[in-house]
N, C-alpha and C. Protein backbone atom coordinates (compact mmCIF):
# COMPACT_ATOMS: atom_id res chain seq x y z
N MET A 1 0.84 -1.18 0.00
CA MET A 1 0.00 0.00 0.00
C MET A 1 0.89 1.24 0.00
N ASP A 2 0.70 2.09 -0.99
CA ASP A 2 1.53 3.28 -1.12
C ASP A 2 1.12 4.40 -0.17
N LEU A 3 -0.19 4.51 0.11
CA LEU A 3 -0.68 5.58 0.97
C LEU A 3 -1.94 5.11 1.68
N GLU A 4 -2.00 5.34 2.98
CA GLU A 4 -3.20 5.02 3.74
C GLU A 4 -3.49 6.14 4.71
N LEU A 5 -4.70 6.67 4.61
CA LEU A 5 -5.17 7.69 5.54
C LEU A 5 -6.21 7.05 6.44
N THR A 6 -5.85 6.84 7.70
CA THR A 6 -6.73 6.13 8.61
C THR A 6 -7.69 7.05 9.35
N ALA A 7 -7.35 8.33 9.44
CA ALA A 7 -8.22 9.27 10.15
C ALA A 7 -8.19 10.65 9.49
N PRO A 8 -8.60 10.73 8.23
CA PRO A 8 -8.58 12.05 7.58
C PRO A 8 -9.61 12.98 8.22
N HIS A 9 -9.26 14.27 8.30
CA HIS A 9 -10.21 15.24 8.86
C HIS A 9 -10.95 16.00 7.78
N HIS A 10 -10.54 15.85 6.53
CA HIS A 10 -11.20 16.51 5.40
C HIS A 10 -11.16 15.56 4.21
N VAL A 11 -12.34 15.20 3.69
CA VAL A 11 -12.43 14.37 2.49
C VAL A 11 -13.52 14.98 1.62
N THR A 12 -13.18 15.25 0.36
CA THR A 12 -14.16 15.88 -0.52
C THR A 12 -13.92 15.50 -1.97
N ILE A 13 -14.90 15.81 -2.79
CA ILE A 13 -14.79 15.72 -4.24
C ILE A 13 -15.15 17.08 -4.79
N GLY A 14 -14.38 17.54 -5.76
CA GLY A 14 -14.65 18.83 -6.39
C GLY A 14 -14.07 18.84 -7.79
N PHE A 15 -14.12 20.01 -8.39
CA PHE A 15 -13.61 20.12 -9.75
C PHE A 15 -12.98 21.48 -9.97
N THR A 16 -12.16 21.54 -11.02
CA THR A 16 -11.65 22.81 -11.53
C THR A 16 -12.15 22.92 -12.97
N GLY A 17 -12.23 24.12 -13.48
CA GLY A 17 -12.69 24.32 -14.85
C GLY A 17 -14.16 24.67 -14.90
N VAL A 18 -14.67 24.75 -16.11
CA VAL A 18 -16.07 25.12 -16.35
C VAL A 18 -16.81 23.91 -16.91
N PRO A 19 -18.16 23.87 -16.76
CA PRO A 19 -18.91 22.74 -17.29
C PRO A 19 -18.56 22.47 -18.76
N GLY A 20 -18.34 21.21 -19.03
CA GLY A 20 -17.91 20.80 -20.36
C GLY A 20 -16.40 20.65 -20.44
N GLU A 21 -15.68 21.27 -19.49
CA GLU A 21 -14.22 21.21 -19.46
C GLU A 21 -13.72 21.06 -18.02
N ARG A 22 -14.45 20.31 -17.22
CA ARG A 22 -14.09 20.17 -15.81
C ARG A 22 -13.12 19.01 -15.59
N THR A 23 -12.29 19.16 -14.58
CA THR A 23 -11.41 18.10 -14.11
C THR A 23 -11.81 17.84 -12.67
N PHE A 24 -12.12 16.58 -12.36
CA PHE A 24 -12.59 16.21 -11.02
C PHE A 24 -11.46 15.68 -10.17
N PHE A 25 -11.57 15.95 -8.86
CA PHE A 25 -10.56 15.52 -7.90
C PHE A 25 -11.22 14.97 -6.64
N LEU A 26 -10.58 13.98 -6.05
CA LEU A 26 -10.88 13.54 -4.70
C LEU A 26 -9.74 14.07 -3.86
N GLN A 27 -10.06 14.78 -2.79
CA GLN A 27 -9.02 15.40 -1.96
C GLN A 27 -9.24 14.99 -0.51
N ALA A 28 -8.14 14.71 0.19
CA ALA A 28 -8.22 14.34 1.60
C ALA A 28 -7.05 14.95 2.35
N GLU A 29 -7.28 15.21 3.63
CA GLU A 29 -6.22 15.73 4.50
C GLU A 29 -6.18 14.93 5.79
N GLU A 30 -4.96 14.64 6.22
CA GLU A 30 -4.75 14.00 7.51
C GLU A 30 -3.54 14.67 8.14
N GLU A 31 -3.54 14.79 9.44
CA GLU A 31 -2.49 15.53 10.14
C GLU A 31 -1.08 15.12 9.71
N ASP A 32 -0.77 13.83 9.75
CA ASP A 32 0.59 13.37 9.47
C ASP A 32 0.93 13.32 7.98
N VAL A 33 -0.08 13.23 7.11
CA VAL A 33 0.16 13.05 5.69
C VAL A 33 0.05 14.37 4.93
N ALA A 34 -0.62 15.33 5.50
CA ALA A 34 -0.94 16.60 4.85
C ALA A 34 -2.04 16.38 3.83
N ARG A 35 -2.05 17.15 2.76
CA ARG A 35 -3.14 17.10 1.77
C ARG A 35 -2.72 16.26 0.57
N VAL A 36 -3.66 15.40 0.12
CA VAL A 36 -3.44 14.61 -1.09
C VAL A 36 -4.66 14.77 -1.99
N ALA A 37 -4.44 14.70 -3.28
CA ALA A 37 -5.54 14.78 -4.24
C ALA A 37 -5.28 13.76 -5.34
N PHE A 38 -6.38 13.25 -5.88
CA PHE A 38 -6.33 12.27 -6.96
C PHE A 38 -7.30 12.72 -8.04
N GLN A 39 -6.88 12.64 -9.29
CA GLN A 39 -7.75 13.02 -10.40
C GLN A 39 -8.72 11.90 -10.70
N LEU A 40 -10.01 12.27 -10.89
CA LEU A 40 -11.08 11.32 -11.17
C LEU A 40 -11.76 11.67 -12.49
N GLU A 41 -12.43 10.70 -13.05
CA GLU A 41 -13.37 10.95 -14.14
C GLU A 41 -14.69 11.35 -13.51
N LYS A 42 -15.52 12.06 -14.24
CA LYS A 42 -16.82 12.50 -13.72
C LYS A 42 -17.64 11.32 -13.23
N GLU A 43 -17.68 10.25 -14.00
CA GLU A 43 -18.49 9.10 -13.61
C GLU A 43 -17.93 8.37 -12.40
N GLN A 44 -16.63 8.46 -12.18
CA GLN A 44 -16.06 7.90 -10.96
C GLN A 44 -16.52 8.70 -9.75
N ALA A 45 -16.55 10.03 -9.90
CA ALA A 45 -17.04 10.89 -8.82
C ALA A 45 -18.50 10.56 -8.52
N ARG A 46 -19.31 10.43 -9.56
CA ARG A 46 -20.72 10.06 -9.37
C ARG A 46 -20.83 8.68 -8.70
N GLY A 47 -20.01 7.74 -9.15
CA GLY A 47 -20.04 6.39 -8.59
C GLY A 47 -19.73 6.36 -7.11
N ILE A 48 -18.77 7.18 -6.67
CA ILE A 48 -18.45 7.25 -5.25
C ILE A 48 -19.69 7.69 -4.47
N GLY A 49 -20.36 8.73 -4.96
CA GLY A 49 -21.56 9.21 -4.28
C GLY A 49 -22.66 8.16 -4.24
N GLU A 50 -22.91 7.51 -5.37
CA GLU A 50 -23.97 6.51 -5.44
C GLU A 50 -23.65 5.28 -4.60
N LEU A 51 -22.41 4.79 -4.67
CA LEU A 51 -22.04 3.59 -3.91
C LEU A 51 -22.04 3.86 -2.40
N LEU A 52 -21.57 5.02 -1.99
CA LEU A 52 -21.64 5.36 -0.57
C LEU A 52 -23.09 5.41 -0.11
N GLY A 53 -23.96 5.97 -0.94
CA GLY A 53 -25.39 6.00 -0.61
C GLY A 53 -25.95 4.60 -0.44
N GLN A 54 -25.56 3.67 -1.30
CA GLN A 54 -26.03 2.29 -1.19
C GLN A 54 -25.49 1.60 0.06
N LEU A 55 -24.22 1.85 0.38
CA LEU A 55 -23.65 1.26 1.60
C LEU A 55 -24.32 1.83 2.84
N LEU A 56 -24.60 3.12 2.84
CA LEU A 56 -25.31 3.73 3.97
C LEU A 56 -26.70 3.12 4.13
N ALA A 57 -27.39 2.87 3.02
CA ALA A 57 -28.72 2.28 3.08
C ALA A 57 -28.67 0.87 3.67
N ARG A 58 -27.62 0.12 3.38
CA ARG A 58 -27.48 -1.22 3.96
C ARG A 58 -27.34 -1.17 5.48
N LEU A 59 -26.79 -0.05 5.96
CA LEU A 59 -26.61 0.12 7.40
C LEU A 59 -27.79 0.88 8.01
N GLU A 60 -28.87 0.99 7.24
CA GLU A 60 -30.07 1.71 7.66
C GLU A 60 -29.74 3.16 8.01
N ASP A 61 -28.92 3.75 7.18
CA ASP A 61 -28.53 5.14 7.29
C ASP A 61 -28.80 5.77 5.93
N SER A 62 -28.56 7.05 5.79
CA SER A 62 -28.78 7.69 4.50
C SER A 62 -27.82 8.86 4.33
N PRO A 63 -27.59 9.29 3.07
CA PRO A 63 -26.73 10.45 2.82
C PRO A 63 -27.28 11.70 3.49
N ALA A 64 -26.43 12.65 3.71
CA ALA A 64 -26.80 13.91 4.36
C ALA A 64 -27.77 14.69 3.48
N THR A 65 -28.71 15.35 4.12
CA THR A 65 -29.62 16.22 3.38
C THR A 65 -29.17 17.67 3.46
N ASP A 66 -28.37 17.99 4.44
CA ASP A 66 -27.83 19.33 4.56
C ASP A 66 -26.43 19.22 5.17
N TRP A 67 -25.50 19.97 4.60
CA TRP A 67 -24.13 19.95 5.08
C TRP A 67 -23.49 21.28 4.71
N ASP A 68 -22.37 21.58 5.30
CA ASP A 68 -21.67 22.83 5.05
C ASP A 68 -20.92 22.71 3.72
N ARG A 69 -21.53 23.24 2.66
CA ARG A 69 -20.94 23.12 1.34
C ARG A 69 -19.60 23.85 1.23
N ALA A 70 -19.47 24.98 1.91
CA ALA A 70 -18.21 25.72 1.88
C ALA A 70 -17.08 24.89 2.50
N ALA A 71 -17.39 24.13 3.53
CA ALA A 71 -16.38 23.29 4.17
C ALA A 71 -15.95 22.13 3.27
N MET A 72 -16.79 21.78 2.29
CA MET A 72 -16.49 20.68 1.38
C MET A 72 -15.75 21.14 0.13
N ALA A 73 -15.40 22.40 0.05
CA ALA A 73 -14.69 22.92 -1.12
C ALA A 73 -13.28 22.34 -1.19
N LEU A 74 -12.78 22.21 -2.43
CA LEU A 74 -11.38 21.81 -2.60
C LEU A 74 -10.50 22.88 -1.99
N ARG A 75 -9.41 22.47 -1.39
CA ARG A 75 -8.46 23.41 -0.78
C ARG A 75 -7.24 23.53 -1.68
N GLU A 76 -6.78 24.75 -1.85
CA GLU A 76 -5.63 25.04 -2.71
C GLU A 76 -4.34 24.67 -2.00
N PRO A 77 -3.33 24.25 -2.72
CA PRO A 77 -3.32 23.97 -4.15
C PRO A 77 -3.92 22.59 -4.42
N VAL A 78 -4.53 22.45 -5.58
CA VAL A 78 -5.10 21.17 -6.00
C VAL A 78 -4.14 20.56 -7.00
N GLU A 79 -3.33 19.63 -6.52
CA GLU A 79 -2.34 18.97 -7.36
C GLU A 79 -2.50 17.46 -7.20
N ALA A 80 -2.93 16.81 -8.26
CA ALA A 80 -3.18 15.38 -8.19
C ALA A 80 -1.88 14.59 -8.10
N ARG A 81 -1.84 13.62 -7.22
CA ARG A 81 -0.69 12.71 -7.14
C ARG A 81 -0.68 11.82 -8.37
N TRP A 82 -1.87 11.33 -8.74
CA TRP A 82 -2.03 10.50 -9.92
C TRP A 82 -3.50 10.41 -10.27
N ARG A 83 -3.75 9.84 -11.46
CA ARG A 83 -5.11 9.67 -11.97
C ARG A 83 -5.64 8.30 -11.56
N VAL A 84 -6.87 8.26 -11.08
CA VAL A 84 -7.47 7.02 -10.60
C VAL A 84 -7.95 6.18 -11.78
N GLY A 85 -7.57 4.91 -11.78
CA GLY A 85 -8.04 3.98 -12.79
C GLY A 85 -9.17 3.13 -12.25
N GLU A 86 -8.97 2.56 -11.08
CA GLU A 86 -9.99 1.72 -10.44
C GLU A 86 -10.23 2.23 -9.04
N LEU A 87 -11.46 2.03 -8.59
CA LEU A 87 -11.78 2.35 -7.20
C LEU A 87 -12.75 1.32 -6.66
N SER A 88 -12.72 1.16 -5.36
CA SER A 88 -13.67 0.26 -4.71
C SER A 88 -14.05 0.86 -3.37
N LEU A 89 -15.23 0.49 -2.92
CA LEU A 89 -15.74 0.97 -1.64
C LEU A 89 -16.21 -0.21 -0.82
N GLY A 90 -16.00 -0.12 0.46
CA GLY A 90 -16.47 -1.16 1.36
C GLY A 90 -16.81 -0.55 2.70
N VAL A 91 -17.38 -1.38 3.55
CA VAL A 91 -17.75 -0.90 4.88
C VAL A 91 -17.37 -1.96 5.91
N ASP A 92 -16.88 -1.50 7.04
CA ASP A 92 -16.61 -2.36 8.19
C ASP A 92 -17.68 -2.02 9.22
N PRO A 93 -18.79 -2.79 9.24
CA PRO A 93 -19.89 -2.44 10.14
C PRO A 93 -19.51 -2.52 11.62
N ASP A 94 -18.54 -3.37 11.97
CA ASP A 94 -18.13 -3.49 13.37
C ASP A 94 -17.47 -2.21 13.87
N GLN A 95 -16.68 -1.59 13.01
CA GLN A 95 -16.01 -0.35 13.40
C GLN A 95 -16.74 0.88 12.89
N ALA A 96 -17.82 0.69 12.15
CA ALA A 96 -18.60 1.79 11.57
C ALA A 96 -17.70 2.72 10.77
N ARG A 97 -16.91 2.12 9.89
CA ARG A 97 -16.03 2.89 9.02
C ARG A 97 -16.17 2.40 7.59
N PHE A 98 -15.93 3.33 6.66
CA PHE A 98 -16.02 3.04 5.23
C PHE A 98 -14.62 3.10 4.66
N LEU A 99 -14.33 2.22 3.71
CA LEU A 99 -13.01 2.16 3.08
C LEU A 99 -13.15 2.47 1.60
N LEU A 100 -12.41 3.47 1.16
CA LEU A 100 -12.34 3.84 -0.25
C LEU A 100 -10.93 3.50 -0.71
N GLU A 101 -10.83 2.55 -1.66
CA GLU A 101 -9.54 2.14 -2.20
C GLU A 101 -9.40 2.66 -3.62
N LEU A 102 -8.26 3.26 -3.91
CA LEU A 102 -7.98 3.84 -5.22
C LEU A 102 -6.75 3.17 -5.82
N THR A 103 -6.81 2.89 -7.11
CA THR A 103 -5.67 2.33 -7.83
C THR A 103 -5.37 3.22 -9.02
N GLU A 104 -4.11 3.51 -9.21
CA GLU A 104 -3.66 4.41 -10.27
C GLU A 104 -3.96 3.85 -11.66
N PHE A 105 -4.31 4.75 -12.56
CA PHE A 105 -4.47 4.41 -13.98
C PHE A 105 -3.07 4.38 -14.59
N VAL A 106 -2.71 3.24 -15.18
CA VAL A 106 -1.41 3.12 -15.84
C VAL A 106 -1.63 2.70 -17.28
N THR A 107 -0.79 3.22 -18.16
CA THR A 107 -0.92 2.90 -19.58
C THR A 107 0.07 1.84 -20.03
N GLU A 108 1.11 1.64 -19.27
CA GLU A 108 2.11 0.64 -19.63
C GLU A 108 1.83 -0.65 -18.88
N GLU A 109 1.83 -1.76 -19.60
CA GLU A 109 1.47 -3.05 -19.00
C GLU A 109 2.40 -3.47 -17.88
N ASP A 110 3.67 -3.12 -17.97
CA ASP A 110 4.62 -3.56 -16.95
C ASP A 110 4.72 -2.60 -15.77
N ALA A 111 4.03 -1.49 -15.83
CA ALA A 111 4.08 -0.52 -14.74
C ALA A 111 3.22 -1.01 -13.57
N GLU A 112 3.74 -0.83 -12.37
CA GLU A 112 3.02 -1.23 -11.16
C GLU A 112 2.20 -0.03 -10.68
N PRO A 113 0.86 -0.14 -10.68
CA PRO A 113 0.03 1.00 -10.26
C PRO A 113 0.16 1.26 -8.76
N ARG A 114 0.12 2.53 -8.42
CA ARG A 114 0.13 2.92 -7.02
C ARG A 114 -1.28 2.77 -6.45
N GLU A 115 -1.35 2.62 -5.14
CA GLU A 115 -2.64 2.44 -4.47
C GLU A 115 -2.73 3.35 -3.26
N ALA A 116 -3.98 3.69 -2.93
CA ALA A 116 -4.24 4.51 -1.74
C ALA A 116 -5.51 4.00 -1.08
N ARG A 117 -5.56 4.11 0.23
CA ARG A 117 -6.75 3.77 1.01
C ARG A 117 -7.13 4.95 1.88
N LEU A 118 -8.42 5.24 1.88
CA LEU A 118 -8.96 6.30 2.73
C LEU A 118 -10.05 5.70 3.60
N TRP A 119 -9.93 5.84 4.90
CA TRP A 119 -10.95 5.38 5.83
C TRP A 119 -11.83 6.56 6.21
N LEU A 120 -13.14 6.39 6.12
CA LEU A 120 -14.09 7.46 6.42
C LEU A 120 -14.98 7.06 7.58
N ASP A 121 -15.30 8.03 8.43
CA ASP A 121 -16.29 7.75 9.47
C ASP A 121 -17.68 7.95 8.86
N PRO A 122 -18.75 7.54 9.54
CA PRO A 122 -20.09 7.66 8.96
C PRO A 122 -20.49 9.09 8.57
N ASP A 123 -20.11 10.08 9.37
CA ASP A 123 -20.44 11.47 9.02
C ASP A 123 -19.77 11.88 7.72
N GLN A 124 -18.51 11.53 7.56
CA GLN A 124 -17.80 11.85 6.31
C GLN A 124 -18.45 11.13 5.14
N ALA A 125 -18.82 9.89 5.32
CA ALA A 125 -19.46 9.12 4.24
C ALA A 125 -20.79 9.75 3.84
N ARG A 126 -21.59 10.20 4.81
CA ARG A 126 -22.88 10.83 4.51
C ARG A 126 -22.68 12.10 3.68
N ARG A 127 -21.76 12.96 4.15
CA ARG A 127 -21.51 14.22 3.43
C ARG A 127 -20.92 13.98 2.06
N LEU A 128 -19.95 13.06 1.96
CA LEU A 128 -19.29 12.81 0.68
C LEU A 128 -20.28 12.21 -0.33
N ALA A 129 -21.17 11.34 0.11
CA ALA A 129 -22.16 10.75 -0.79
C ALA A 129 -23.02 11.83 -1.43
N SER A 130 -23.54 12.73 -0.62
CA SER A 130 -24.41 13.80 -1.14
C SER A 130 -23.62 14.82 -1.95
N HIS A 131 -22.46 15.19 -1.43
CA HIS A 131 -21.67 16.23 -2.08
C HIS A 131 -21.18 15.78 -3.46
N ALA A 132 -20.76 14.53 -3.58
CA ALA A 132 -20.26 14.03 -4.87
C ALA A 132 -21.33 14.13 -5.94
N ILE A 133 -22.56 13.72 -5.62
CA ILE A 133 -23.65 13.78 -6.58
C ILE A 133 -23.97 15.22 -6.94
N GLU A 134 -24.00 16.09 -5.95
CA GLU A 134 -24.31 17.50 -6.21
C GLU A 134 -23.26 18.15 -7.10
N VAL A 135 -21.99 17.85 -6.85
CA VAL A 135 -20.91 18.44 -7.63
C VAL A 135 -20.98 17.99 -9.10
N VAL A 136 -21.22 16.71 -9.31
CA VAL A 136 -21.32 16.19 -10.67
C VAL A 136 -22.50 16.83 -11.40
N ASP A 137 -23.61 16.99 -10.69
CA ASP A 137 -24.82 17.55 -11.30
C ASP A 137 -24.72 19.05 -11.60
N GLN A 138 -23.63 19.69 -11.21
CA GLN A 138 -23.44 21.11 -11.51
C GLN A 138 -22.96 21.33 -12.93
N GLY A 139 -22.85 20.29 -13.70
CA GLY A 139 -22.38 20.38 -15.08
C GLY A 139 -23.46 20.87 -16.02
N ARG A 140 -23.22 20.63 -17.30
CA ARG A 140 -24.17 21.05 -18.33
C ARG A 140 -25.48 20.29 -18.19
N PRO A 141 -26.60 20.93 -18.55
CA PRO A 141 -27.87 20.21 -18.53
C PRO A 141 -27.86 19.10 -19.57
N THR A 142 -28.71 18.09 -19.37
CA THR A 142 -28.76 16.98 -20.30
C THR A 142 -30.02 17.06 -21.17
N CYS A 143 -29.93 16.47 -22.34
CA CYS A 143 -31.04 16.43 -23.29
C CYS A 143 -32.16 15.54 -22.74
N GLU A 144 -33.38 15.99 -22.88
CA GLU A 144 -34.53 15.22 -22.40
C GLU A 144 -34.72 13.92 -23.18
N LEU A 145 -34.27 13.88 -24.43
CA LEU A 145 -34.49 12.71 -25.27
C LEU A 145 -33.37 11.68 -25.20
N CYS A 146 -32.12 12.14 -25.26
CA CYS A 146 -31.01 11.18 -25.35
C CYS A 146 -30.16 11.11 -24.08
N GLY A 147 -30.28 12.10 -23.19
CA GLY A 147 -29.51 12.10 -21.95
C GLY A 147 -28.09 12.61 -22.08
N ARG A 148 -27.70 13.02 -23.28
CA ARG A 148 -26.35 13.56 -23.48
C ARG A 148 -26.31 15.03 -23.07
N PRO A 149 -25.11 15.54 -22.74
CA PRO A 149 -25.02 16.95 -22.34
C PRO A 149 -25.36 17.89 -23.49
N THR A 150 -26.00 19.00 -23.13
CA THR A 150 -26.28 20.05 -24.11
C THR A 150 -25.24 21.14 -23.93
N GLU A 151 -25.20 22.06 -24.88
CA GLU A 151 -24.29 23.19 -24.75
C GLU A 151 -24.82 24.13 -23.67
N SER A 152 -23.99 25.04 -23.19
CA SER A 152 -24.41 25.94 -22.12
C SER A 152 -25.58 26.83 -22.54
N ASP A 153 -25.75 27.08 -23.85
CA ASP A 153 -26.89 27.88 -24.32
C ASP A 153 -28.12 27.03 -24.58
N GLY A 154 -28.05 25.71 -24.29
CA GLY A 154 -29.18 24.82 -24.47
C GLY A 154 -29.22 24.15 -25.83
N SER A 155 -28.36 24.55 -26.77
CA SER A 155 -28.38 23.94 -28.10
C SER A 155 -27.78 22.53 -28.04
N HIS A 156 -28.19 21.70 -29.01
CA HIS A 156 -27.75 20.31 -28.98
C HIS A 156 -28.22 19.62 -30.26
N VAL A 157 -27.34 18.91 -30.92
CA VAL A 157 -27.74 18.07 -32.04
C VAL A 157 -28.00 16.69 -31.46
N CYS A 158 -29.26 16.30 -31.42
CA CYS A 158 -29.68 15.09 -30.70
C CYS A 158 -29.73 13.88 -31.63
N PRO A 159 -29.10 12.77 -31.23
CA PRO A 159 -29.19 11.56 -32.04
C PRO A 159 -30.63 11.07 -32.19
N ALA A 160 -31.49 11.39 -31.24
CA ALA A 160 -32.90 10.97 -31.33
C ALA A 160 -33.60 11.66 -32.49
N ALA A 161 -33.02 12.79 -32.97
CA ALA A 161 -33.57 13.47 -34.14
C ALA A 161 -32.84 13.01 -35.41
N ASN A 162 -32.11 11.90 -35.29
CA ASN A 162 -31.34 11.32 -36.40
C ASN A 162 -30.34 12.29 -37.01
N GLY A 163 -29.84 13.22 -36.20
CA GLY A 163 -28.85 14.16 -36.66
C GLY A 163 -29.36 15.20 -37.63
N HIS A 164 -30.68 15.33 -37.75
CA HIS A 164 -31.27 16.27 -38.68
C HIS A 164 -31.61 17.59 -38.00
N GLY A 165 -30.60 18.30 -37.59
CA GLY A 165 -30.84 19.61 -37.02
C GLY A 165 -30.82 19.62 -35.52
N LYS A 166 -30.96 20.81 -35.00
CA LYS A 166 -30.90 21.01 -33.56
C LYS A 166 -32.24 20.72 -32.92
N LEU A 167 -32.15 20.30 -31.67
CA LEU A 167 -33.35 20.02 -30.88
C LEU A 167 -34.05 21.34 -30.58
N THR A 168 -35.32 21.40 -30.87
CA THR A 168 -36.11 22.60 -30.57
C THR A 168 -37.33 22.18 -29.76
N ARG A 169 -37.91 23.14 -29.11
CA ARG A 169 -39.10 22.84 -28.30
C ARG A 169 -40.31 23.49 -28.89
């Protein structure tokens, strides 16, 4: 294991850039390790939120409905250690802790991917589940017919219209 944060005091997901050109990050801080960040794909960020929500439901708990959004902001500087290729989530019900495991995305077959583990308490899991979904949903609106992102002005060439012009209402 390359990095393990057993008691982080800050865990969040956020992005830099504008909708359509965003870069997502998972960021955590622990006293002895300082701040670490990992680059994510948008769907990985969404997956973390959804999977944490499912794990909370198994424990008869649920994601937060209200939390301090300002406290969940990414903290500067945002510098990714590496890009996440695989991730997994689990729960230790005896200790009431959640485990988020990250594995580096590598392009060379002989390269050994780095790994990181983040342990979350239930409060962190509740906030992160809700916050991750909210952050991802701050992107471009989606087309009602095909579900693909539209441009910021609402324009979109929809495959459901067989590519014959822009979607109009």
